[in-house]
C-alpha atoms as a PDB file:
ATOM      1  CA  MET A   1     -18.863 -15.250   7.978  1.00  0.00           C
ATOM      2  CA  SER A   2     -17.180 -15.125   4.594  1.00  0.00           C
ATOM      3  CA  ARG A   3     -14.027 -16.327   2.903  1.00  0.00           C
ATOM      4  CA  VAL A   4     -11.401 -13.694   2.002  1.00  0.00           C
ATOM      5  CA  ALA A   5      -8.354 -14.445  -0.144  1.00  0.00           C
ATOM      6  CA  ILE A   6      -5.294 -12.279   0.532  1.00  0.00           C
ATOM      7  CA  THR A   7      -2.054 -12.142  -1.455  1.00  0.00           C
ATOM      8  CA  GLY A   8       0.883 -10.780   0.488  1.00  0.00           C
ATOM      9  CA  ALA A   9      -0.803 -12.064   3.643  1.00  0.00           C
ATOM     10  CA  THR A  10       2.556 -12.518   5.406  1.00  0.00           C
ATOM     11  CA  GLY A  11       3.549  -8.864   4.886  1.00  0.00           C
ATOM     12  CA  MET A  12       3.014  -5.947   7.254  1.00  0.00           C
ATOM     13  CA  VAL A  13      -0.354  -4.838   5.840  1.00  0.00           C
ATOM     14  CA  GLY A  14      -1.560  -8.316   4.881  1.00  0.00           C
ATOM     15  CA  GLY A  15      -0.707  -9.731   8.287  1.00  0.00           C
ATOM     16  CA  ALA A  16      -2.539  -6.968  10.148  1.00  0.00           C
ATOM     17  CA  LEU A  17      -5.574  -7.280   7.866  1.00  0.00           C
ATOM     18  CA  SER A  18      -5.664 -11.073   8.202  1.00  0.00           C
ATOM     19  CA  HIS A  19      -5.716 -10.966  11.991  1.00  0.00           C
ATOM     20  CA  VAL A  20      -8.472  -8.346  12.099  1.00  0.00           C
ATOM     21  CA  LEU A  21     -10.625 -10.347   9.678  1.00  0.00           C
ATOM     22  CA  VAL A  22     -10.110 -13.589  11.613  1.00  0.00           C
ATOM     23  CA  GLN A  23     -11.150 -11.834  14.821  1.00  0.00           C
ATOM     24  CA  ALA A  24     -14.311 -10.701  13.000  1.00  0.00           C
ATOM     25  CA  GLY A  25     -15.123 -14.312  12.150  1.00  0.00           C
ATOM     26  CA  HIS A  26     -13.934 -14.483   8.535  1.00  0.00           C
ATOM     27  CA  GLU A  27     -12.065 -17.370   6.961  1.00  0.00           C
ATOM     28  CA  ILE A  28      -8.705 -16.342   5.479  1.00  0.00           C
ATOM     29  CA  VAL A  29      -6.933 -17.916   2.517  1.00  0.00           C
ATOM     30  CA  ALA A  30      -3.347 -16.656   2.592  1.00  0.00           C
ATOM     31  CA  PHE A  31      -1.695 -16.733  -0.836  1.00  0.00           C
ATOM     32  CA  SER A  32       2.093 -16.744  -0.685  1.00  0.00           C
ATOM     33  CA  ARG A  33       5.209 -17.865  -2.543  1.00  0.00           C
ATOM     34  CA  GLU A  34       6.040 -19.815   0.624  1.00  0.00           C
ATOM     35  CA  PRO A  35       2.779 -21.387   1.860  1.00  0.00           C
ATOM     36  CA  GLY A  36       4.728 -23.200   4.575  1.00  0.00           C
ATOM     37  CA  GLY A  37       5.389 -19.855   6.265  1.00  0.00           C
ATOM     38  CA  VAL A  38       1.694 -18.999   6.625  1.00  0.00           C
ATOM     39  CA  GLU A  39       0.247 -19.013  10.143  1.00  0.00           C
ATOM     40  CA  ALA A  40      -1.700 -22.068  11.228  1.00  0.00           C
ATOM     41  CA  ASP A  41      -4.898 -20.005  11.672  1.00  0.00           C
ATOM     42  CA  PHE A  42      -5.084 -19.432   7.914  1.00  0.00           C
ATOM     43  CA  GLU A  43      -5.556 -21.681   4.929  1.00  0.00           C
ATOM     44  CA  ALA A  44      -2.339 -21.503   2.895  1.00  0.00           C
ATOM     45  CA  ALA A  45      -2.283 -21.386  -0.906  1.00  0.00           C
ATOM     46  CA  ARG A  46       0.393 -21.032  -3.563  1.00  0.00           C
ATOM     47  CA  PHE A  47       0.875 -17.725  -5.402  1.00  0.00           C
ATOM     48  CA  ASP A  48       4.145 -17.239  -7.280  1.00  0.00           C
ATOM     49  CA  PRO A  49       4.106 -14.725 -10.164  1.00  0.00           C
ATOM     50  CA  GLY A  50       7.715 -15.601 -10.987  1.00  0.00           C
ATOM     51  CA  SER A  51       6.804 -19.165 -11.904  1.00  0.00           C
ATOM     52  CA  GLY A  52       3.223 -18.411 -12.949  1.00  0.00           C
ATOM     53  CA  GLU A  53       1.763 -20.636 -10.204  1.00  0.00           C
ATOM     54  CA  ILE A  54      -1.504 -19.966  -8.422  1.00  0.00           C
ATOM     55  CA  ASP A  55      -3.906 -22.285  -6.615  1.00  0.00           C
ATOM     56  CA  ASP A  56      -7.171 -21.796  -8.546  1.00  0.00           C
ATOM     57  CA  GLU A  57      -9.102 -24.145  -6.293  1.00  0.00           C
ATOM     58  CA  ALA A  58      -8.199 -22.166  -3.156  1.00  0.00           C
ATOM     59  CA  LEU A  59      -9.240 -18.937  -4.875  1.00  0.00           C
ATOM     60  CA  GLY A  60     -12.682 -20.263  -5.762  1.00  0.00           C
ATOM     61  CA  GLY A  61     -15.497 -19.515  -3.350  1.00  0.00           C
ATOM     62  CA  SER A  62     -13.866 -16.418  -1.872  1.00  0.00           C
ATOM     63  CA  ALA A  63     -16.264 -13.532  -1.363  1.00  0.00           C
ATOM     64  CA  ALA A  64     -13.423 -11.033  -1.721  1.00  0.00           C
ATOM     65  CA  VAL A  65      -9.807 -10.936  -2.869  1.00  0.00           C
ATOM     66  CA  VAL A  66      -7.344  -8.432  -1.402  1.00  0.00           C
ATOM     67  CA  HIS A  67      -4.234  -8.250  -3.569  1.00  0.00           C
ATOM     68  CA  LEU A  68      -1.261  -6.791  -1.694  1.00  0.00           C
ATOM     69  CA  ALA A  69       1.724  -8.770  -3.002  1.00  0.00           C
ATOM     70  CA  GLY A  70       4.669  -6.938  -4.564  1.00  0.00           C
ATOM     71  CA  ALA A  71       8.439  -6.596  -4.282  1.00  0.00           C
ATOM     72  CA  SER A  72       9.777  -3.778  -2.104  1.00  0.00           C
ATOM     73  CA  VAL A  73      10.435  -0.437  -3.813  1.00  0.00           C
ATOM     74  CA  ALA A  74      12.757   0.677  -0.975  1.00  0.00           C
ATOM     75  CA  ALA A  75      16.023  -0.368  -2.606  1.00  0.00           C
ATOM     76  CA  ARG A  76      18.325   1.137  -5.227  1.00  0.00           C
ATOM     77  CA  TRP A  77      16.623   0.695  -8.584  1.00  0.00           C
ATOM     78  CA  THR A  78      19.035  -1.367 -10.640  1.00  0.00           C
ATOM     79  CA  GLU A  79      17.627  -2.729 -13.876  1.00  0.00           C
ATOM     80  CA  LYS A  80      17.133  -6.072 -12.137  1.00  0.00           C
ATOM     81  CA  GLN A  81      15.267  -4.443  -9.237  1.00  0.00           C
ATOM     82  CA  ARG A  82      13.086  -2.425 -11.619  1.00  0.00           C
ATOM     83  CA  ARG A  83      12.045  -5.672 -13.323  1.00  0.00           C
ATOM     84  CA  ARG A  84      11.309  -7.299  -9.944  1.00  0.00           C
ATOM     85  CA  ILE A  85       9.178  -4.334  -8.863  1.00  0.00           C
ATOM     86  CA  ARG A  86       7.224  -4.219 -12.097  1.00  0.00           C
ATOM     87  CA  ASP A  87       6.802  -7.938 -12.702  1.00  0.00           C
ATOM     88  CA  SER A  88       5.771  -8.716  -9.134  1.00  0.00           C
ATOM     89  CA  ARG A  89       2.917  -6.243  -9.507  1.00  0.00           C
ATOM     90  CA  VAL A  90       1.903  -6.302 -13.153  1.00  0.00           C
ATOM     91  CA  GLU A  91       2.509  -9.985 -13.894  1.00  0.00           C
ATOM     92  CA  GLY A  92       1.250 -10.948 -10.436  1.00  0.00           C
ATOM     93  CA  THR A  93      -2.037  -9.122 -10.965  1.00  0.00           C
ATOM     94  CA  ARG A  94      -2.398 -10.631 -14.432  1.00  0.00           C
ATOM     95  CA  LEU A  95      -1.885 -14.109 -12.944  1.00  0.00           C
ATOM     96  CA  LEU A  96      -4.555 -13.430 -10.313  1.00  0.00           C
ATOM     97  CA  VAL A  97      -7.167 -12.071 -12.730  1.00  0.00           C
ATOM     98  CA  ASP A  98      -6.513 -14.891 -15.211  1.00  0.00           C
ATOM     99  CA  ALA A  99      -7.196 -17.352 -12.378  1.00  0.00           C
ATOM    100  CA  MET A 100     -10.496 -15.574 -11.653  1.00  0.00           C
ATOM    101  CA  ALA A 101     -11.445 -15.916 -15.307  1.00  0.00           C
ATOM    102  CA  ARG A 102     -10.958 -19.692 -15.093  1.00  0.00           C
ATOM    103  CA  LEU A 103     -13.415 -19.943 -12.193  1.00  0.00           C
ATOM    104  CA  SER A 104     -17.103 -20.469 -12.774  1.00  0.00           C
ATOM    105  CA  GLU A 105     -19.215 -17.336 -12.382  1.00  0.00           C
ATOM    106  CA  ALA A 106     -20.665 -18.697  -9.131  1.00  0.00           C
ATOM    107  CA  ALA A 107     -17.187 -19.295  -7.664  1.00  0.00           C
ATOM    108  CA  ARG A 108     -15.758 -15.861  -8.496  1.00  0.00           C
ATOM    109  CA  PRO A 109     -15.267 -13.219  -5.811  1.00  0.00           C
ATOM    110  CA  ARG A 110     -17.672 -10.295  -5.664  1.00  0.00           C
ATOM    111  CA  VAL A 111     -14.881  -7.768  -5.193  1.00  0.00           C
ATOM    112  CA  LEU A 112     -11.159  -7.378  -5.885  1.00  0.00           C
ATOM    113  CA  VAL A 113      -9.339  -4.805  -3.759  1.00  0.00           C
ATOM    114  CA  SER A 114      -6.022  -4.422  -5.531  1.00  0.00           C
ATOM    115  CA  ALA A 115      -3.185  -2.373  -4.070  1.00  0.00           C
ATOM    116  CA  SER A 116      -1.652   0.459  -6.040  1.00  0.00           C
ATOM    117  CA  ALA A 117       0.230   3.505  -4.752  1.00  0.00           C
ATOM    118  CA  VAL A 118       0.182   7.293  -4.724  1.00  0.00           C
ATOM    119  CA  GLY A 119       3.275   6.994  -6.906  1.00  0.00           C
ATOM    120  CA  TYR A 120       0.661   6.921  -9.687  1.00  0.00           C
ATOM    121  CA  TYR A 121       0.528  10.726  -9.455  1.00  0.00           C
ATOM    122  CA  GLY A 122       4.271  11.359  -9.871  1.00  0.00           C
ATOM    123  CA  ASP A 123       5.882  14.523  -8.490  1.00  0.00           C
ATOM    124  CA  ARG A 124       3.070  17.118  -8.345  1.00  0.00           C
ATOM    125  CA  GLY A 125       4.232  19.898  -6.026  1.00  0.00           C
ATOM    126  CA  ASP A 126       1.462  21.499  -3.966  1.00  0.00           C
ATOM    127  CA  ASP A 127      -1.477  20.336  -6.114  1.00  0.00           C
ATOM    128  CA  PRO A 128      -4.203  18.488  -4.141  1.00  0.00           C
ATOM    129  CA  LEU A 129      -4.694  15.122  -5.835  1.00  0.00           C
ATOM    130  CA  ASP A 130      -8.035  13.352  -5.551  1.00  0.00           C
ATOM    131  CA  GLU A 131      -8.797  10.171  -7.454  1.00  0.00           C
ATOM    132  CA  THR A 132      -9.706  12.063 -10.643  1.00  0.00           C
ATOM    133  CA  ALA A 133      -6.204  13.563 -10.964  1.00  0.00           C
ATOM    134  CA  ALA A 134      -4.254  12.509 -14.041  1.00  0.00           C
ATOM    135  CA  ARG A 135      -1.364  10.101 -13.771  1.00  0.00           C
ATOM    136  CA  GLY A 136       2.098  11.571 -13.424  1.00  0.00           C
ATOM    137  CA  ASP A 137       5.488  10.786 -14.931  1.00  0.00           C
ATOM    138  CA  GLY A 138       8.225   8.405 -13.880  1.00  0.00           C
ATOM    139  CA  PHE A 139       8.908   4.744 -13.224  1.00  0.00           C
ATOM    140  CA  LEU A 140       6.434   4.394 -10.346  1.00  0.00           C
ATOM    141  CA  ALA A 141       3.672   6.126 -12.312  1.00  0.00           C
ATOM    142  CA  ASP A 142       4.277   3.731 -15.209  1.00  0.00           C
ATOM    143  CA  VAL A 143       4.206   0.698 -12.908  1.00  0.00           C
ATOM    144  CA  CYS A 144       1.046   1.842 -11.125  1.00  0.00           C
ATOM    145  CA  THR A 145      -0.732   2.532 -14.419  1.00  0.00           C
ATOM    146  CA  ASP A 146       0.014  -0.944 -15.783  1.00  0.00           C
ATOM    147  CA  TRP A 147      -0.704  -2.542 -12.384  1.00  0.00           C
ATOM    148  CA  GLU A 148      -4.128  -0.906 -12.180  1.00  0.00           C
ATOM    149  CA  ALA A 149      -4.925  -1.813 -15.784  1.00  0.00           C
ATOM    150  CA  GLU A 150      -4.376  -5.499 -15.029  1.00  0.00           C
ATOM    151  CA  ALA A 151      -6.663  -5.293 -11.991  1.00  0.00           C
ATOM    152  CA  GLY A 152      -9.280  -3.495 -14.066  1.00  0.00           C
ATOM    153  CA  ARG A 153      -9.626  -6.516 -16.374  1.00  0.00           C
ATOM    154  CA  ALA A 154     -11.580  -8.258 -13.599  1.00  0.00           C
ATOM    155  CA  GLU A 155     -14.463  -5.835 -14.193  1.00  0.00           C
ATOM    156  CA  SER A 156     -15.289  -7.678 -17.413  1.00  0.00           C
ATOM    157  CA  LEU A 157     -15.793 -10.792 -15.248  1.00  0.00           C
ATOM    158  CA  GLY A 158     -18.483  -9.076 -13.201  1.00  0.00           C
ATOM    159  CA  VAL A 159     -16.151  -8.356 -10.286  1.00  0.00           C
ATOM    160  CA  ARG A 160     -16.241  -4.973  -8.547  1.00  0.00           C
ATOM    161  CA  VAL A 161     -12.663  -3.644  -8.619  1.00  0.00           C
ATOM    162  CA  VAL A 162     -11.134  -1.150  -6.180  1.00  0.00           C
ATOM    163  CA  ARG A 163      -7.705   0.197  -7.120  1.00  0.00           C
ATOM    164  CA  LEU A 164      -6.307   1.244  -3.748  1.00  0.00           C
ATOM    165  CA  ARG A 165      -3.681   3.992  -4.083  1.00  0.00           C
ATOM    166  CA  ILE A 166      -1.827   3.629  -0.805  1.00  0.00           C
ATOM    167  CA  GLY A 167       0.354   6.327   0.736  1.00  0.00           C
ATOM    168  CA  MET A 168       3.176   5.929   3.273  1.00  0.00           C
ATOM    169  CA  VAL A 169       1.917   3.345   5.757  1.00  0.00           C
ATOM    170  CA  LEU A 170       2.861   4.225   9.328  1.00  0.00           C
ATOM    171  CA  SER A 171       3.644   1.291  11.608  1.00  0.00           C
ATOM    172  CA  ALA A 172       6.313   0.858  14.259  1.00  0.00           C
ATOM    173  CA  GLU A 173       6.667  -2.768  13.162  1.00  0.00           C
ATOM    174  CA  GLY A 174       7.860  -2.198   9.600  1.00  0.00           C
ATOM    175  CA  GLY A 175       7.832  -0.020   6.516  1.00  0.00           C
ATOM    176  CA  ALA A 176       9.174   3.514   6.177  1.00  0.00           C
ATOM    177  CA  LEU A 177       8.617   4.562   9.799  1.00  0.00           C
ATOM    178  CA  ALA A 178      10.521   1.604  11.203  1.00  0.00           C
ATOM    179  CA  ARG A 179      13.458   2.413   8.892  1.00  0.00           C
ATOM    180  CA  MET A 180      13.423   6.035  10.051  1.00  0.00           C
ATOM    181  CA  LEU A 181      13.352   5.273  13.774  1.00  0.00           C
ATOM    182  CA  ARG A 182      16.944   4.122  14.285  1.00  0.00           C
ATOM    183  CA  PRO A 183      18.711   7.268  13.015  1.00  0.00           C
ATOM    184  CA  PHE A 184      16.085   9.506  14.626  1.00  0.00           C
ATOM    185  CA  LYS A 185      16.520   7.820  18.018  1.00  0.00           C
ATOM    186  CA  MET A 186      20.267   8.457  17.694  1.00  0.00           C
ATOM    187  CA  GLY A 187      19.582  12.160  17.128  1.00  0.00           C
ATOM    188  CA  LEU A 188      20.591  11.901  13.462  1.00  0.00           C
ATOM    189  CA  GLY A 189      17.194  12.613  11.934  1.00  0.00           C
ATOM    190  CA  GLY A 190      16.102  15.591   9.899  1.00  0.00           C
ATOM    191  CA  ARG A 191      14.121  16.721   6.889  1.00  0.00           C
ATOM    192  CA  VAL A 192      14.701  15.068   3.528  1.00  0.00           C
ATOM    193  CA  GLY A 193      15.885  17.447   0.848  1.00  0.00           C
ATOM    194  CA  SER A 194      14.083  20.784   1.137  1.00  0.00           C
ATOM    195  CA  GLY A 195      11.425  19.281   3.411  1.00  0.00           C
ATOM    196  CA  LYS A 196       8.768  21.069   1.342  1.00  0.00           C
ATOM    197  CA  GLN A 197       7.531  17.969  -0.476  1.00  0.00           C
ATOM    198  CA  TRP A 198       4.121  16.645   0.555  1.00  0.00           C
ATOM    199  CA  VAL A 199       3.874  13.210   2.158  1.00  0.00           C
ATOM    200  CA  SER A 200       0.616  11.269   1.860  1.00  0.00           C
ATOM    201  CA  TRP A 201       0.502   8.951   4.866  1.00  0.00           C
ATOM    202  CA  ILE A 202      -1.898   6.623   6.660  1.00  0.00           C
ATOM    203  CA  HIS A 203      -1.816   4.842  10.025  1.00  0.00           C
ATOM    204  CA  LEU A 204      -1.758   1.058   9.574  1.00  0.00           C
ATOM    205  CA  ASP A 205      -4.941   0.652  11.623  1.00  0.00           C
ATOM    206  CA  ASP A 206      -6.806   3.089   9.371  1.00  0.00           C
ATOM    207  CA  LEU A 207      -5.491   1.338   6.259  1.00  0.00           C
ATOM    208  CA  VAL A 208      -6.822  -1.998   7.508  1.00  0.00           C
ATOM    209  CA  ARG A 209     -10.184  -0.392   8.251  1.00  0.00           C
ATOM    210  CA  ALA A 210     -10.179   1.292   4.818  1.00  0.00           C
ATOM    211  CA  ILE A 211      -9.602  -2.053   3.108  1.00  0.00           C
ATOM    212  CA  ARG A 212     -12.518  -3.547   5.056  1.00  0.00           C
ATOM    213  CA  CYS A 213     -14.644  -0.575   3.971  1.00  0.00           C
ATOM    214  CA  CYS A 214     -13.688  -1.198   0.328  1.00  0.00           C
ATOM    215  CA  ILE A 215     -14.681  -4.853   0.674  1.00  0.00           C
ATOM    216  CA  ASP A 216     -18.054  -4.076   2.252  1.00  0.00           C
ATOM    217  CA  ASP A 217     -19.211  -0.823   0.625  1.00  0.00           C
ATOM    218  CA  GLU A 218     -20.412  -1.414  -2.917  1.00  0.00           C
ATOM    219  CA  ARG A 219     -20.305   2.312  -3.628  1.00  0.00           C
ATOM    220  CA  LEU A 220     -16.508   2.119  -3.733  1.00  0.00           C
ATOM    221  CA  ARG A 221     -15.079   1.113  -7.071  1.00  0.00           C
ATOM    222  CA  GLY A 222     -12.257   2.300  -9.295  1.00  0.00           C
ATOM    223  CA  ALA A 223      -9.471   4.418  -7.842  1.00  0.00           C
ATOM    224  CA  VAL A 224      -9.538   5.050  -4.071  1.00  0.00           C
ATOM    225  CA  ASN A 225      -6.811   7.013  -2.301  1.00  0.00           C
ATOM    226  CA  ALA A 226      -5.858   5.160   0.885  1.00  0.00           C
ATOM    227  CA  THR A 227      -4.329   8.129   2.672  1.00  0.00           C
ATOM    228  CA  ALA A 228      -5.100  10.237   5.726  1.00  0.00           C
ATOM    229  CA  PRO A 229      -7.214  13.322   4.976  1.00  0.00           C
ATOM    230  CA  LYS A 230      -4.418  15.653   6.122  1.00  0.00           C
ATOM    231  CA  PRO A 231      -1.167  15.048   4.228  1.00  0.00           C
ATOM    232  CA  VAL A 232       1.869  16.849   5.635  1.00  0.00           C
ATOM    233  CA  LYS A 233       5.088  18.267   4.315  1.00  0.00           C
ATOM    234  CA  ASN A 234       8.215  16.256   4.964  1.00  0.00           C
ATOM    235  CA  ALA A 235       9.513  18.852   7.426  1.00  0.00           C
ATOM    236  CA  GLU A 236       6.261  18.519   9.443  1.00  0.00           C
ATOM    237  CA  LEU A 237       6.562  14.733   9.461  1.00  0.00           C
ATOM    238  CA  THR A 238      10.164  15.023  10.627  1.00  0.00           C
ATOM    239  CA  SER A 239       9.266  17.432  13.417  1.00  0.00           C
ATOM    240  CA  ALA A 240       6.328  15.293  14.576  1.00  0.00           C
ATOM    241  CA  LEU A 241       8.517  12.180  14.663  1.00  0.00           C
ATOM    242  CA  GLY A 242      11.182  13.991  16.685  1.00  0.00           C
ATOM    243  CA  SER A 243       8.558  15.168  19.163  1.00  0.00           C
ATOM    244  CA  ALA A 244       7.078  11.686  19.496  1.00  0.00           C
ATOM    245  CA  ILE A 245      10.417  10.155  20.493  1.00  0.00           C
ATOM    246  CA  GLY A 246      11.903  13.184  22.254  1.00  0.00           C
ATOM    247  CA  ARG A 247      14.847  13.682  19.900  1.00  0.00           C
ATOM    248  CA  PRO A 248      16.140  16.700  17.935  1.00  0.00           C
ATOM    249  CA  THR A 249      15.674  16.754  14.159  1.00  0.00           C
ATOM    250  CA  VAL A 250      18.399  19.097  12.998  1.00  0.00           C
ATOM    251  CA  LEU A 251      20.417  16.990  10.549  1.00  0.00           C
ATOM    252  CA  PRO A 252      18.854  17.195   7.077  1.00  0.00           C
ATOM    253  CA  ALA A 253      19.481  14.616   4.371  1.00  0.00           C
ATOM    254  CA  PRO A 254      20.685  16.717   1.393  1.00  0.00           C
ATOM    255  CA  ARG A 255      19.051  16.123  -1.975  1.00  0.00           C
ATOM    256  CA  LEU A 256      22.375  15.596  -3.756  1.00  0.00           C
ATOM    257  CA  ALA A 257      23.585  13.018  -1.245  1.00  0.00           C
ATOM    258  CA  LEU A 258      20.325  11.069  -1.534  1.00  0.00           C
ATOM    259  CA  LYS A 259      20.545  11.070  -5.327  1.00  0.00           C
ATOM    260  CA  LEU A 260      24.127   9.829  -5.175  1.00  0.00           C
ATOM    261  CA  LEU A 261      23.207   7.070  -2.733  1.00  0.00           C
ATOM    262  CA  PHE A 262      19.891   5.914  -4.167  1.00  0.00           C
ATOM    263  CA  GLY A 263      19.623   7.322  -7.684  1.00  0.00           C
ATOM    264  CA  ALA A 264      16.145   7.445  -9.236  1.00  0.00           C
ATOM    265  CA  MET A 265      14.602   5.799  -6.174  1.00  0.00           C
ATOM    266  CA  ALA A 266      15.448   8.890  -4.121  1.00  0.00           C
ATOM    267  CA  GLU A 267      13.894  11.206  -6.713  1.00  0.00           C
ATOM    268  CA  GLU A 268      10.577   9.350  -6.886  1.00  0.00           C
ATOM    269  CA  LEU A 269      10.208   7.851  -3.427  1.00  0.00           C
ATOM    270  CA  LEU A 270      11.926  10.298  -1.047  1.00  0.00           C
ATOM    271  CA  LEU A 271      11.895  13.670  -2.801  1.00  0.00           C
ATOM    272  CA  ALA A 272       8.709  13.607  -4.903  1.00  0.00           C
ATOM    273  CA  SER A 273       5.715  15.588  -3.648  1.00  0.00           C
ATOM    274  CA  GLN A 274       2.269  13.952  -3.608  1.00  0.00           C
ATOM    275  CA  ARG A 275      -0.574  15.700  -1.818  1.00  0.00           C
ATOM    276  CA  ALA A 276      -3.144  12.935  -2.224  1.00  0.00           C
ATOM    277  CA  VAL A 277      -6.555  13.384  -0.592  1.00  0.00           C
ATOM    278  CA  PRO A 278      -9.030  10.511   0.041  1.00  0.00           C
ATOM    279  CA  GLU A 279     -12.092  11.994  -1.650  1.00  0.00           C
ATOM    280  CA  GLN A 280     -13.812   8.652  -2.208  1.00  0.00           C
ATOM    281  CA  LEU A 281     -13.437   7.328   1.337  1.00  0.00           C
ATOM    282  CA  VAL A 282     -14.625  10.625   2.805  1.00  0.00           C
ATOM    283  CA  LYS A 283     -17.603  10.656   0.434  1.00  0.00           C
ATOM    284  CA  VAL A 284     -18.879   7.300   1.753  1.00  0.00           C
ATOM    285  CA  GLY A 285     -18.474   8.441   5.359  1.00  0.00           C
ATOM    286  CA  PHE A 286     -15.335   6.529   6.322  1.00  0.00           C
ATOM    287  CA  GLU A 287     -14.223   7.722   9.757  1.00  0.00           C
ATOM    288  CA  TYR A 288     -10.497   7.994  10.379  1.00  0.00           C
ATOM    289  CA  ARG A 289      -9.106   7.258  13.798  1.00  0.00           C
ATOM    290  CA  PHE A 290      -5.928   9.146  12.967  1.00  0.00           C
ATOM    291  CA  SER A 291      -6.280  12.259  10.804  1.00  0.00           C
ATOM    292  CA  GLU A 292      -3.429  14.203  12.420  1.00  0.00           C
ATOM    293  CA  ILE A 293       0.196  13.127  12.048  1.00  0.00           C
ATOM    294  CA  ASP A 294       1.076  13.971  15.669  1.00  0.00           C
ATOM    295  CA  ALA A 295      -1.677  11.756  17.071  1.00  0.00           C
ATOM    296  CA  ALA A 296      -0.771   8.913  14.708  1.00  0.00           C
ATOM    297  CA  LEU A 297       2.898   8.937  15.708  1.00  0.00           C
ATOM    298  CA  GLN A 298       2.131   9.279  19.398  1.00  0.00           C
ATOM    299  CA  ASP A 299      -0.139   6.239  19.172  1.00  0.00           C
ATOM    300  CA  LEU A 300       2.474   4.169  17.359  1.00  0.00           C
ATOM    301  CA  LEU A 301       5.500   5.169  19.421  1.00  0.00           C
ATOM    302  CA  SER A 302       4.160   5.614  22.947  1.00  0.00           C
ATOM    303  CA  HIS A 303       3.984   1.894  23.754  1.00  0.00           C
END
């Protein structure tokens, strides 16, 4: 039994991870801006990057820290929203690592698994992107670079750091898939733009298992792509989703319309191509339950 601190523990990924760890006998410290909203099964602690507040005492004694907190990127990127996205990640990670530095060496966690995103790679066409690939261009690449740099400071404290570059997380309960379901169920779904852009995805269950692997396996450090081993093109994702729910997928979302509606967010989040491959997880023998997009969607949508 060990103590695991999780920021963003009330979110989709953090909530799923917390429940799995509790079932495995671990003690969870859920860090949140609103500790009162944390489930009774977890110890609640304050974490608010906006005000610079963090509960150092609750952080101490944790064997691992999983840092998942960050403002949603799925909104039009006004200047205010850009600041929220960046500060919630960069300043939030700085706040967390500074708190670790204030702890005694004996009280510090052994490992920090800090979320990042495949947006680090920018728009890269058909190029396969393992963890050694260079960073790309754009707002998300800039944010991810600074975000990862803040997490990396914990290495000087003797903490093993995993920078988890997460792809599109598939869950029927939230995230991108849940937003796609309503129009697709109405028969209004279709490819985005040309449909030729690569989508790096991962089933929520596999992501939770990958995070546990990063906590436990000391061979994993530095950048780790948290994606399924078989990325797909957007048109393939669209077709698989239509098949899973028994609906046609003949109404494409034109590139120009998306750019008019969502601006730069559409360019980097919906239309960019990232063919990320999980070289590091495969190397340590991580076994995916869902490597194929059809099987993943059938599992999520057949209940």
